C-alpha atoms as a PDB file:
ATOM      1  CA  UNK A   1      -1.236 -34.399 -20.396  1.00  0.00           C
ATOM      2  CA  UNK A   2      -4.901 -35.285 -20.516  1.00  0.00           C
ATOM      3  CA  UNK A   3      -7.333 -32.462 -21.246  1.00  0.00           C
ATOM      4  CA  UNK A   4     -10.935 -32.479 -19.986  1.00  0.00           C
ATOM      5  CA  UNK A   5     -13.808 -30.048 -20.128  1.00  0.00           C
ATOM      6  CA  UNK A   6     -15.307 -28.947 -16.824  1.00  0.00           C
ATOM      7  CA  UNK A   7     -18.406 -31.018 -17.627  1.00  0.00           C
ATOM      8  CA  UNK A   8     -16.377 -34.197 -18.240  1.00  0.00           C
ATOM      9  CA  UNK A   9     -14.296 -33.557 -15.130  1.00  0.00           C
ATOM     10  CA  UNK A  10     -17.388 -33.312 -12.933  1.00  0.00           C
ATOM     11  CA  UNK A  11     -18.947 -36.332 -14.608  1.00  0.00           C
ATOM     12  CA  UNK A  12     -15.888 -38.558 -13.996  1.00  0.00           C
ATOM     13  CA  UNK A  13     -14.463 -36.959 -10.859  1.00  0.00           C
ATOM     14  CA  UNK A  14     -13.532 -40.157  -8.997  1.00  0.00           C
ATOM     15  CA  UNK A  15     -11.814 -41.741 -11.986  1.00  0.00           C
ATOM     16  CA  UNK A  16      -9.912 -38.551 -12.813  1.00  0.00           C
ATOM     17  CA  UNK A  17      -8.740 -38.180  -9.209  1.00  0.00           C
ATOM     18  CA  UNK A  18      -7.518 -41.785  -9.234  1.00  0.00           C
ATOM     19  CA  UNK A  19      -5.487 -41.034 -12.374  1.00  0.00           C
ATOM     20  CA  UNK A  20      -4.012 -37.914 -10.793  1.00  0.00           C
ATOM     21  CA  UNK A  21      -3.141 -39.803  -7.613  1.00  0.00           C
ATOM     22  CA  UNK A  22      -1.304 -42.335  -9.787  1.00  0.00           C
ATOM     23  CA  UNK A  23       0.868 -39.532 -11.216  1.00  0.00           C
ATOM     24  CA  UNK A  24      -1.019 -38.275 -14.283  1.00  0.00           C
ATOM     25  CA  UNK A  25      -1.540 -34.581 -15.004  1.00  0.00           C
ATOM     26  CA  UNK A  26      -4.931 -33.305 -16.125  1.00  0.00           C
ATOM     27  CA  UNK A  27      -5.778 -29.950 -17.684  1.00  0.00           C
ATOM     28  CA  UNK A  28      -9.325 -28.738 -16.958  1.00  0.00           C
ATOM     29  CA  UNK A  29     -10.902 -26.406 -19.522  1.00  0.00           C
ATOM     30  CA  UNK A  30     -13.990 -24.225 -19.646  1.00  0.00           C
ATOM     31  CA  UNK A  31     -15.189 -23.228 -23.097  1.00  0.00           C
ATOM     32  CA  UNK A  32     -11.930 -24.664 -24.508  1.00  0.00           C
ATOM     33  CA  UNK A  33      -9.804 -22.371 -22.325  1.00  0.00           C
ATOM     34  CA  UNK A  34      -7.560 -23.793 -19.587  1.00  0.00           C
ATOM     35  CA  UNK A  35      -8.733 -22.979 -16.051  1.00  0.00           C
ATOM     36  CA  UNK A  36      -6.867 -25.491 -13.862  1.00  0.00           C
ATOM     37  CA  UNK A  37      -4.195 -28.139 -13.916  1.00  0.00           C
ATOM     38  CA  UNK A  38      -4.312 -31.120 -11.576  1.00  0.00           C
ATOM     39  CA  UNK A  39      -1.245 -33.035 -10.469  1.00  0.00           C
ATOM     40  CA  UNK A  40      -0.548 -35.344  -7.556  1.00  0.00           C
ATOM     41  CA  UNK A  41       0.574 -33.722  -4.326  1.00  0.00           C
ATOM     42  CA  UNK A  42       4.290 -33.616  -3.654  1.00  0.00           C
ATOM     43  CA  UNK A  43       4.341 -35.622  -0.439  1.00  0.00           C
ATOM     44  CA  UNK A  44       8.063 -35.133   0.027  1.00  0.00           C
ATOM     45  CA  UNK A  45       7.393 -31.870   1.877  1.00  0.00           C
ATOM     46  CA  UNK A  46       4.271 -32.979   3.757  1.00  0.00           C
ATOM     47  CA  UNK A  47       4.841 -34.031   7.344  1.00  0.00           C
ATOM     48  CA  UNK A  48       2.162 -36.020   9.097  1.00  0.00           C
ATOM     49  CA  UNK A  49       2.952 -35.967  12.784  1.00  0.00           C
ATOM     50  CA  UNK A  50       1.655 -37.982  15.708  1.00  0.00           C
ATOM     51  CA  UNK A  51      -1.192 -35.510  16.296  1.00  0.00           C
ATOM     52  CA  UNK A  52      -2.569 -35.768  12.747  1.00  0.00           C
ATOM     53  CA  UNK A  53      -6.378 -35.876  12.874  1.00  0.00           C
ATOM     54  CA  UNK A  54      -6.553 -35.034  16.560  1.00  0.00           C
ATOM     55  CA  UNK A  55      -7.099 -31.291  16.422  1.00  0.00           C
ATOM     56  CA  UNK A  56      -8.831 -29.607  19.314  1.00  0.00           C
ATOM     57  CA  UNK A  57     -10.893 -26.461  19.320  1.00  0.00           C
ATOM     58  CA  UNK A  58      -9.840 -24.174  22.104  1.00  0.00           C
ATOM     59  CA  UNK A  59     -11.635 -21.081  23.383  1.00  0.00           C
ATOM     60  CA  UNK A  60     -10.446 -17.770  21.968  1.00  0.00           C
ATOM     61  CA  UNK A  61     -10.411 -16.094  25.381  1.00  0.00           C
ATOM     62  CA  UNK A  62      -8.965 -17.633  28.520  1.00  0.00           C
ATOM     63  CA  UNK A  63     -10.921 -15.425  30.896  1.00  0.00           C
ATOM     64  CA  UNK A  64     -14.537 -14.315  30.773  1.00  0.00           C
ATOM     65  CA  UNK A  65     -14.983 -11.089  28.820  1.00  0.00           C
ATOM     66  CA  UNK A  66     -17.947  -9.735  30.814  1.00  0.00           C
ATOM     67  CA  UNK A  67     -19.562  -8.507  27.595  1.00  0.00           C
ATOM     68  CA  UNK A  68     -16.413  -6.820  26.289  1.00  0.00           C
ATOM     69  CA  UNK A  69     -15.722  -9.389  23.578  1.00  0.00           C
ATOM     70  CA  UNK A  70     -16.377  -6.975  20.687  1.00  0.00           C
ATOM     71  CA  UNK A  71     -13.974  -4.456  22.176  1.00  0.00           C
ATOM     72  CA  UNK A  72     -11.372  -7.179  22.666  1.00  0.00           C
ATOM     73  CA  UNK A  73     -11.801  -8.386  19.076  1.00  0.00           C
ATOM     74  CA  UNK A  74     -11.521  -4.826  17.787  1.00  0.00           C
ATOM     75  CA  UNK A  75      -8.279  -4.314  19.743  1.00  0.00           C
ATOM     76  CA  UNK A  76      -6.905  -7.563  18.375  1.00  0.00           C
ATOM     77  CA  UNK A  77      -7.590  -6.501  14.775  1.00  0.00           C
ATOM     78  CA  UNK A  78      -5.807  -3.173  15.102  1.00  0.00           C
ATOM     79  CA  UNK A  79      -2.280  -2.797  13.794  1.00  0.00           C
ATOM     80  CA  UNK A  80       0.157  -4.098  16.360  1.00  0.00           C
ATOM     81  CA  UNK A  81      -2.551  -5.819  18.439  1.00  0.00           C
ATOM     82  CA  UNK A  82      -2.438  -3.363  21.339  1.00  0.00           C
ATOM     83  CA  UNK A  83      -4.993  -5.424  23.272  1.00  0.00           C
ATOM     84  CA  UNK A  84      -2.519  -8.275  23.873  1.00  0.00           C
END
């Protein structure tokens, strides 16, 4: 496992990420103490469906709140969500 200081990691970020993507493991240290370990993502459990990259932002409320949005948000945050 390759070991890099935080400074070296930031300096060579693209090259280090290419190594990790190829399967290498990298230990990142700060003041000679380990702070993170990088490894390639396990894509076996990642599903990329047909809608990947096509997210849509939808309005939080379906109907107009007539100025009651803070009250509605407060109800939604309460235990059990009694405003639903």
